[in-house]
PDB file of N, CA and C in Angstrom:
ATOM      1  N   MET A   1     208.114 -87.236 217.383  1.00  0.00           N
ATOM      2  CA  MET A   1     208.511 -88.372 218.238  1.00  0.00           C
ATOM      3  C   MET A   1     207.293 -89.200 218.227  1.00  0.00           C
ATOM      4  N   THR A   2     206.028 -88.998 218.088  1.00  0.00           N
ATOM      5  CA  THR A   2     205.024 -89.954 217.868  1.00  0.00           C
ATOM      6  C   THR A   2     205.091 -90.776 216.791  1.00  0.00           C
ATOM      7  N   PHE A   3     205.683 -90.196 215.684  1.00  0.00           N
ATOM      8  CA  PHE A   3     205.937 -90.956 214.365  1.00  0.00           C
ATOM      9  C   PHE A   3     206.887 -92.014 214.655  1.00  0.00           C
ATOM     10  N   LEU A   4     207.961 -91.736 215.430  1.00  0.00           N
ATOM     11  CA  LEU A   4     208.935 -92.671 215.656  1.00  0.00           C
ATOM     12  C   LEU A   4     208.540 -93.760 216.600  1.00  0.00           C
ATOM     13  N   ALA A   5     207.545 -93.425 217.517  1.00  0.00           N
ATOM     14  CA  ALA A   5     206.977 -94.638 218.398  1.00  0.00           C
ATOM     15  C   ALA A   5     206.139 -95.492 217.396  1.00  0.00           C
ATOM     16  N   PHE A   6     205.463 -94.932 216.548  1.00  0.00           N
ATOM     17  CA  PHE A   6     204.629 -95.708 215.692  1.00  0.00           C
ATOM     18  C   PHE A   6     205.634 -96.640 214.812  1.00  0.00           C
ATOM     19  N   LEU A   7     206.611 -96.048 214.300  1.00  0.00           N
ATOM     20  CA  LEU A   7     207.621 -96.927 213.536  1.00  0.00           C
ATOM     21  C   LEU A   7     208.189 -97.935 214.422  1.00  0.00           C
ATOM     22  N   LEU A   8     208.546 -97.738 215.705  1.00  0.00           N
ATOM     23  CA  LEU A   8     209.001 -98.704 216.656  1.00  0.00           C
ATOM     24  C   LEU A   8     208.144 -99.822 216.695  1.00  0.00           C
ATOM     25  N   ILE A   9     206.841 -99.475 216.946  1.00  0.00           N
ATOM     26  CA  ILE A   9     205.840-100.452 217.233  1.00  0.00           C
ATOM     27  C   ILE A   9     205.636-101.410 215.912  1.00  0.00           C
ATOM     28  N   ALA A  10     205.758-100.815 214.843  1.00  0.00           N
ATOM     29  CA  ALA A  10     205.592-101.485 213.510  1.00  0.00           C
ATOM     30  C   ALA A  10     206.681-102.345 213.399  1.00  0.00           C
ATOM     31  N   ALA A  11     207.957-101.892 213.614  1.00  0.00           N
ATOM     32  CA  ALA A  11     209.148-102.827 213.594  1.00  0.00           C
ATOM     33  C   ALA A  11     209.149-103.828 214.511  1.00  0.00           C
ATOM     34  N   MET A  12     208.630-103.659 215.817  1.00  0.00           N
ATOM     35  CA  MET A  12     208.491-104.744 216.716  1.00  0.00           C
ATOM     36  C   MET A  12     207.632-105.940 216.277  1.00  0.00           C
ATOM     37  N   ILE A  13     206.350-105.479 215.701  1.00  0.00           N
ATOM     38  CA  ILE A  13     205.377-106.386 215.329  1.00  0.00           C
ATOM     39  C   ILE A  13     205.937-107.186 214.065  1.00  0.00           C
ATOM     40  N   ALA A  14     206.611-106.617 213.247  1.00  0.00           N
ATOM     41  CA  ALA A  14     207.229-107.065 211.974  1.00  0.00           C
ATOM     42  C   ALA A  14     208.191-108.429 212.401  1.00  0.00           C
ATOM     43  N   THR A  15     208.987-108.040 213.586  1.00  0.00           N
ATOM     44  CA  THR A  15     210.025-108.865 214.211  1.00  0.00           C
ATOM     45  C   THR A  15     209.285-110.108 214.631  1.00  0.00           C
ATOM     46  N   VAL A  16     208.264-109.834 215.405  1.00  0.00           N
ATOM     47  CA  VAL A  16     207.516-111.171 215.936  1.00  0.00           C
ATOM     48  C   VAL A  16     206.823-111.879 214.792  1.00  0.00           C
ATOM     49  N   ILE A  17     206.229-111.232 213.749  1.00  0.00           N
ATOM     50  CA  ILE A  17     205.674-112.009 212.703  1.00  0.00           C
ATOM     51  C   ILE A  17     206.726-112.711 211.972  1.00  0.00           C
ATOM     52  N   ALA A  18     207.907-112.113 211.554  1.00  0.00           N
ATOM     53  CA  ALA A  18     208.818-112.858 210.999  1.00  0.00           C
ATOM     54  C   ALA A  18     209.375-114.124 211.825  1.00  0.00           C
ATOM     55  N   LEU A  19     209.510-113.877 213.053  1.00  0.00           N
ATOM     56  CA  LEU A  19     209.969-115.083 213.894  1.00  0.00           C
ATOM     57  C   LEU A  19     208.979-116.250 213.975  1.00  0.00           C
ATOM     58  N   VAL A  20     207.755-115.849 214.217  1.00  0.00           N
ATOM     59  CA  VAL A  20     206.634-116.884 214.105  1.00  0.00           C
ATOM     60  C   VAL A  20     206.636-117.651 212.759  1.00  0.00           C
ATOM     61  N   ARG A  21     206.583-116.977 211.781  1.00  0.00           N
ATOM     62  CA  ARG A  21     206.560-117.360 210.337  1.00  0.00           C
ATOM     63  C   ARG A  21     207.819-118.354 210.090  1.00  0.00           C
ATOM     64  N   GLY A  22     208.840-117.860 210.527  1.00  0.00           N
ATOM     65  CA  GLY A  22     210.184-118.737 210.329  1.00  0.00           C
ATOM     66  C   GLY A  22     210.108-120.066 211.346  1.00  0.00           C
ATOM     67  N   VAL A  23     209.718-120.007 212.420  1.00  0.00           N
ATOM     68  CA  VAL A  23     209.638-121.139 213.240  1.00  0.00           C
ATOM     69  C   VAL A  23     208.579-122.123 212.770  1.00  0.00           C
ATOM     70  N   ILE A  24     207.415-121.565 212.283  1.00  0.00           N
ATOM     71  CA  ILE A  24     206.450-122.506 211.656  1.00  0.00           C
ATOM     72  C   ILE A  24     206.832-123.202 210.452  1.00  0.00           C
ATOM     73  N   LEU A  25     207.519-122.542 209.648  1.00  0.00           N
ATOM     74  CA  LEU A  25     208.029-123.073 208.336  1.00  0.00           C
ATOM     75  C   LEU A  25     209.174-124.100 208.737  1.00  0.00           C
ATOM     76  N   PHE A  26     209.867-123.850 209.839  1.00  0.00           N
ATOM     77  CA  PHE A  26     210.994-124.886 210.096  1.00  0.00           C
ATOM     78  C   PHE A  26     210.225-126.064 210.699  1.00  0.00           C
ATOM     79  N   LEU A  27     209.339-125.951 211.560  1.00  0.00           N
ATOM     80  CA  LEU A  27     208.548-126.988 212.095  1.00  0.00           C
ATOM     81  C   LEU A  27     207.951-127.883 211.270  1.00  0.00           C
ATOM     82  N   GLN A  28     207.195-127.210 210.073  1.00  0.00           N
ATOM     83  CA  GLN A  28     206.564-127.941 209.065  1.00  0.00           C
ATOM     84  C   GLN A  28     207.492-128.613 208.230  1.00  0.00           C
ATOM     85  N   ASN A  29     208.728-128.112 207.918  1.00  0.00           N
ATOM     86  CA  ASN A  29     209.771-128.799 207.101  1.00  0.00           C
ATOM     87  C   ASN A  29     210.064-130.109 207.875  1.00  0.00           C
ATOM     88  N   GLU A  30     210.460-129.907 209.184  1.00  0.00           N
ATOM     89  CA  GLU A  30     211.035-130.984 209.929  1.00  0.00           C
ATOM     90  C   GLU A  30     210.087-132.071 210.133  1.00  0.00           C
ATOM     91  N   THR A  31     208.793-131.648 210.349  1.00  0.00           N
ATOM     92  CA  THR A  31     207.750-132.764 210.433  1.00  0.00           C
ATOM     93  C   THR A  31     207.550-133.486 209.355  1.00  0.00           C
ATOM     94  N   HIS A  32     207.446-132.725 207.952  1.00  0.00           N
ATOM     95  CA  HIS A  32     207.476-133.405 206.752  1.00  0.00           C
ATOM     96  C   HIS A  32     208.487-134.442 206.683  1.00  0.00           C
ATOM     97  N   ARG A  33     209.726-134.047 206.864  1.00  0.00           N
ATOM     98  CA  ARG A  33     211.006-134.769 206.732  1.00  0.00           C
ATOM     99  C   ARG A  33     210.885-136.161 207.525  1.00  0.00           C
ATOM    100  N   VAL A  34     210.502-135.942 208.788  1.00  0.00           N
ATOM    101  CA  VAL A  34     210.335-137.151 209.784  1.00  0.00           C
ATOM    102  C   VAL A  34     209.270-138.112 209.120  1.00  0.00           C
ATOM    103  N   LYS A  35     208.090-137.552 208.790  1.00  0.00           N
ATOM    104  CA  LYS A  35     207.000-138.364 208.269  1.00  0.00           C
ATOM    105  C   LYS A  35     207.248-139.162 207.008  1.00  0.00           C
ATOM    106  N   ALA A  36     208.036-138.534 206.173  1.00  0.00           N
ATOM    107  CA  ALA A  36     208.392-139.117 204.897  1.00  0.00           C
ATOM    108  C   ALA A  36     209.615-139.860 205.008  1.00  0.00           C
ATOM    109  N   GLY A  37     210.360-139.808 206.072  1.00  0.00           N
ATOM    110  CA  GLY A  37     211.633-140.674 206.338  1.00  0.00           C
ATOM    111  C   GLY A  37     212.779-140.113 205.311  1.00  0.00           C
ATOM    112  N   GLU A  38     212.774-138.950 205.097  1.00  0.00           N
ATOM    113  CA  GLU A  38     213.787-138.529 204.110  1.00  0.00           C
ATOM    114  C   GLU A  38     214.993-138.082 204.925  1.00  0.00           C
ATOM    115  N   ASP A  39     216.092-138.381 204.335  1.00  0.00           N
ATOM    116  CA  ASP A  39     217.275-138.081 205.048  1.00  0.00           C
ATOM    117  C   ASP A  39     218.183-137.232 203.727  1.00  0.00           C
ATOM    118  N   GLU A  40     217.471-136.154 203.356  1.00  0.00           N
ATOM    119  CA  GLU A  40     218.132-135.251 202.437  1.00  0.00           C
ATOM    120  C   GLU A  40     219.393-134.479 203.016  1.00  0.00           C
ATOM    121  N   GLN A  41     220.370-134.188 202.302  1.00  0.00           N
ATOM    122  CA  GLN A  41     221.451-133.427 202.753  1.00  0.00           C
ATOM    123  C   GLN A  41     221.184-132.077 202.378  1.00  0.00           C
ATOM    124  N   GLY A  42     220.775-131.645 201.307  1.00  0.00           N
ATOM    125  CA  GLY A  42     220.612-130.370 200.784  1.00  0.00           C
ATOM    126  C   GLY A  42     219.399-129.666 201.426  1.00  0.00           C
ATOM    127  N   PRO A  43     219.337-128.505 201.309  1.00  0.00           N
ATOM    128  CA  PRO A  43     218.254-127.489 201.814  1.00  0.00           C
ATOM    129  C   PRO A  43     217.042-127.632 200.897  1.00  0.00           C
ATOM    130  N   THR A  44     215.904-127.803 201.587  1.00  0.00           N
ATOM    131  CA  THR A  44     214.585-127.948 200.826  1.00  0.00           C
ATOM    132  C   THR A  44     214.060-126.405 200.568  1.00  0.00           C
ATOM    133  N   LEU A  45     212.975-126.322 199.756  1.00  0.00           N
ATOM    134  CA  LEU A  45     212.432-125.094 199.665  1.00  0.00           C
ATOM    135  C   LEU A  45     211.817-124.402 201.064  1.00  0.00           C
ATOM    136  N   ALA A  46     211.261-125.196 201.728  1.00  0.00           N
ATOM    137  CA  ALA A  46     210.738-124.714 202.963  1.00  0.00           C
ATOM    138  C   ALA A  46     211.864-124.316 204.032  1.00  0.00           C
ATOM    139  N   SER A  47     213.045-125.032 204.042  1.00  0.00           N
ATOM    140  CA  SER A  47     214.039-124.523 204.923  1.00  0.00           C
ATOM    141  C   SER A  47     214.677-123.371 204.464  1.00  0.00           C
ATOM    142  N   VAL A  48     214.699-123.123 203.026  1.00  0.00           N
ATOM    143  CA  VAL A  48     215.267-121.809 202.442  1.00  0.00           C
ATOM    144  C   VAL A  48     214.287-120.632 202.881  1.00  0.00           C
ATOM    145  N   LYS A  49     212.983-120.952 202.953  1.00  0.00           N
ATOM    146  CA  LYS A  49     212.106-119.833 203.232  1.00  0.00           C
ATOM    147  C   LYS A  49     212.166-119.651 204.733  1.00  0.00           C
ATOM    148  N   SER A  50     212.435-120.664 205.529  1.00  0.00           N
ATOM    149  CA  SER A  50     212.482-120.477 206.971  1.00  0.00           C
ATOM    150  C   SER A  50     213.744-119.643 207.158  1.00  0.00           C
ATOM    151  N   ASN A  51     214.914-119.927 206.503  1.00  0.00           N
ATOM    152  CA  ASN A  51     216.172-119.280 206.922  1.00  0.00           C
ATOM    153  C   ASN A  51     215.735-117.654 206.258  1.00  0.00           C
ATOM    154  N   LYS A  52     215.201-117.529 205.325  1.00  0.00           N
ATOM    155  CA  LYS A  52     214.920-116.108 204.774  1.00  0.00           C
ATOM    156  C   LYS A  52     213.981-115.317 205.783  1.00  0.00           C
ATOM    157  N   MET A  53     213.114-116.028 206.428  1.00  0.00           N
ATOM    158  CA  MET A  53     212.283-115.364 207.498  1.00  0.00           C
ATOM    159  C   MET A  53     213.163-114.904 208.695  1.00  0.00           C
ATOM    160  N   MET A  54     214.027-115.723 209.040  1.00  0.00           N
ATOM    161  CA  MET A  54     214.887-115.434 210.115  1.00  0.00           C
ATOM    162  C   MET A  54     215.778-114.434 209.858  1.00  0.00           C
ATOM    163  N   GLN A  55     216.252-114.261 208.553  1.00  0.00           N
ATOM    164  CA  GLN A  55     217.126-113.179 208.041  1.00  0.00           C
ATOM    165  C   GLN A  55     216.333-111.828 208.177  1.00  0.00           C
ATOM    166  N   MET A  56     214.989-111.922 207.833  1.00  0.00           N
ATOM    167  CA  MET A  56     214.144-110.668 207.955  1.00  0.00           C
ATOM    168  C   MET A  56     213.884-110.285 209.327  1.00  0.00           C
ATOM    169  N   ARG A  57     213.883-111.258 210.221  1.00  0.00           N
ATOM    170  CA  ARG A  57     213.756-110.901 211.700  1.00  0.00           C
ATOM    171  C   ARG A  57     214.913-110.146 212.121  1.00  0.00           C
ATOM    172  N   ILE A  58     216.177-110.469 211.609  1.00  0.00           N
ATOM    173  CA  ILE A  58     217.279-109.753 212.185  1.00  0.00           C
ATOM    174  C   ILE A  58     217.195-108.317 211.587  1.00  0.00           C
ATOM    175  N   VAL A  59     216.743-108.187 210.405  1.00  0.00           N
ATOM    176  CA  VAL A  59     216.625-106.853 209.717  1.00  0.00           C
ATOM    177  C   VAL A  59     215.610-105.999 210.476  1.00  0.00           C
ATOM    178  N   PHE A  60     214.512-106.619 210.866  1.00  0.00           N
ATOM    179  CA  PHE A  60     213.545-105.784 211.581  1.00  0.00           C
ATOM    180  C   PHE A  60     213.960-105.492 213.071  1.00  0.00           C
ATOM    181  N   GLN A  61     214.795-106.425 213.644  1.00  0.00           N
ATOM    182  CA  GLN A  61     215.113-106.106 215.003  1.00  0.00           C
ATOM    183  C   GLN A  61     216.268-105.077 214.908  1.00  0.00           C
ATOM    184  N   ALA A  62     217.070-105.017 213.944  1.00  0.00           N
ATOM    185  CA  ALA A  62     218.197-103.850 213.796  1.00  0.00           C
ATOM    186  C   ALA A  62     217.368-102.607 213.499  1.00  0.00           C
ATOM    187  N   LEU A  63     216.429-102.609 212.756  1.00  0.00           N
ATOM    188  CA  LEU A  63     215.548-101.414 212.564  1.00  0.00           C
ATOM    189  C   LEU A  63     214.888-100.902 213.709  1.00  0.00           C
ATOM    190  N   ALA A  64     214.380-101.792 214.661  1.00  0.00           N
ATOM    191  CA  ALA A  64     213.632-101.405 215.992  1.00  0.00           C
ATOM    192  C   ALA A  64     214.878-100.841 216.880  1.00  0.00           C
ATOM    193  N   ILE A  65     216.164-101.445 216.911  1.00  0.00           N
ATOM    194  CA  ILE A  65     217.051-100.926 217.699  1.00  0.00           C
ATOM    195  C   ILE A  65     217.604 -99.593 217.283  1.00  0.00           C
ATOM    196  N   LEU A  66     217.726 -99.372 215.985  1.00  0.00           N
ATOM    197  CA  LEU A  66     218.019 -97.911 215.491  1.00  0.00           C
ATOM    198  C   LEU A  66     217.070 -97.013 215.818  1.00  0.00           C
ATOM    199  N   ILE A  67     215.764 -97.254 215.823  1.00  0.00           N
ATOM    200  CA  ILE A  67     214.724 -96.394 216.110  1.00  0.00           C
ATOM    201  C   ILE A  67     214.794 -96.029 217.643  1.00  0.00           C
ATOM    202  N   VAL A  68     215.065 -96.914 218.553  1.00  0.00           N
ATOM    203  CA  VAL A  68     215.013 -96.697 219.787  1.00  0.00           C
ATOM    204  C   VAL A  68     216.358 -95.713 220.095  1.00  0.00           C
ATOM    205  N   VAL A  69     217.374 -96.032 219.467  1.00  0.00           N
ATOM    206  CA  VAL A  69     218.561 -95.130 219.704  1.00  0.00           C
ATOM    207  C   VAL A  69     218.215 -93.648 219.192  1.00  0.00           C
ATOM    208  N   LEU A  70     217.484 -93.534 218.151  1.00  0.00           N
ATOM    209  CA  LEU A  70     217.102 -92.239 217.594  1.00  0.00           C
ATOM    210  C   LEU A  70     216.147 -91.660 218.492  1.00  0.00           C
ATOM    211  N   ILE A  71     215.164 -92.420 219.057  1.00  0.00           N
ATOM    212  CA  ILE A  71     214.213 -91.795 220.015  1.00  0.00           C
ATOM    213  C   ILE A  71     214.996 -91.269 221.285  1.00  0.00           C
ATOM    214  N   LEU A  72     215.812 -92.130 221.798  1.00  0.00           N
ATOM    215  CA  LEU A  72     216.742 -91.665 223.056  1.00  0.00           C
ATOM    216  C   LEU A  72     217.717 -90.490 222.744  1.00  0.00           C
ATOM    217  N   ALA A  73     218.117 -90.392 221.535  1.00  0.00           N
ATOM    218  CA  ALA A  73     219.088 -89.228 221.133  1.00  0.00           C
ATOM    219  C   ALA A  73     218.180 -88.025 221.079  1.00  0.00           C
ATOM    220  N   LEU A  74     216.977 -88.077 220.455  1.00  0.00           N
ATOM    221  CA  LEU A  74     216.133 -86.913 220.321  1.00  0.00           C
ATOM    222  C   LEU A  74     215.612 -86.648 221.931  1.00  0.00           C
ATOM    223  N   ALA A  75     215.268 -87.468 222.579  1.00  0.00           N
ATOM    224  CA  ALA A  75     214.757 -87.196 223.914  1.00  0.00           C
ATOM    225  C   ALA A  75     216.012 -86.487 224.836  1.00  0.00           C
ATOM    226  N   GLY A  76     217.120 -86.964 224.701  1.00  0.00           N
ATOM    227  CA  GLY A  76     218.313 -86.367 225.478  1.00  0.00           C
ATOM    228  C   GLY A  76     218.541 -85.036 224.947  1.00  0.00           C
ATOM    229  N   ARG A  77     218.403 -84.770 223.672  1.00  0.00           N
ATOM    230  CA  ARG A  77     218.498 -83.389 223.220  1.00  0.00           C
ATOM    231  C   ARG A  77     217.634 -82.431 223.709  1.00  0.00           C
ATOM    232  N   THR A  78     216.275 -82.803 223.840  1.00  0.00           N
ATOM    233  CA  THR A  78     215.247 -81.969 224.297  1.00  0.00           C
ATOM    234  C   THR A  78     215.074 -81.818 225.746  1.00  0.00           C
ATOM    235  N   GLY A  79     215.619 -82.807 226.502  1.00  0.00           N
ATOM    236  CA  GLY A  79     215.572 -82.897 227.845  1.00  0.00           C
ATOM    237  C   GLY A  79     216.573 -82.163 228.646  1.00  0.00           C
TER     238      GLY A  79
END
């Protein structure tokens, strides 16, 4: 059970890191576009990276939810 708690904490930390990195990349990209006066239609490298980080956030969140479900199932079985 302690191992699962450790995995849950790691998944939550990874979620927060992916969220913060994704938002920072998004803000940097938008700031650059505004300063440069660009009106590009296609995705830039920074926007692709931001999108990838947000996808990783979803994966980490799903992993955290699965770990919580597993912890609750094991706690219900022993209680």
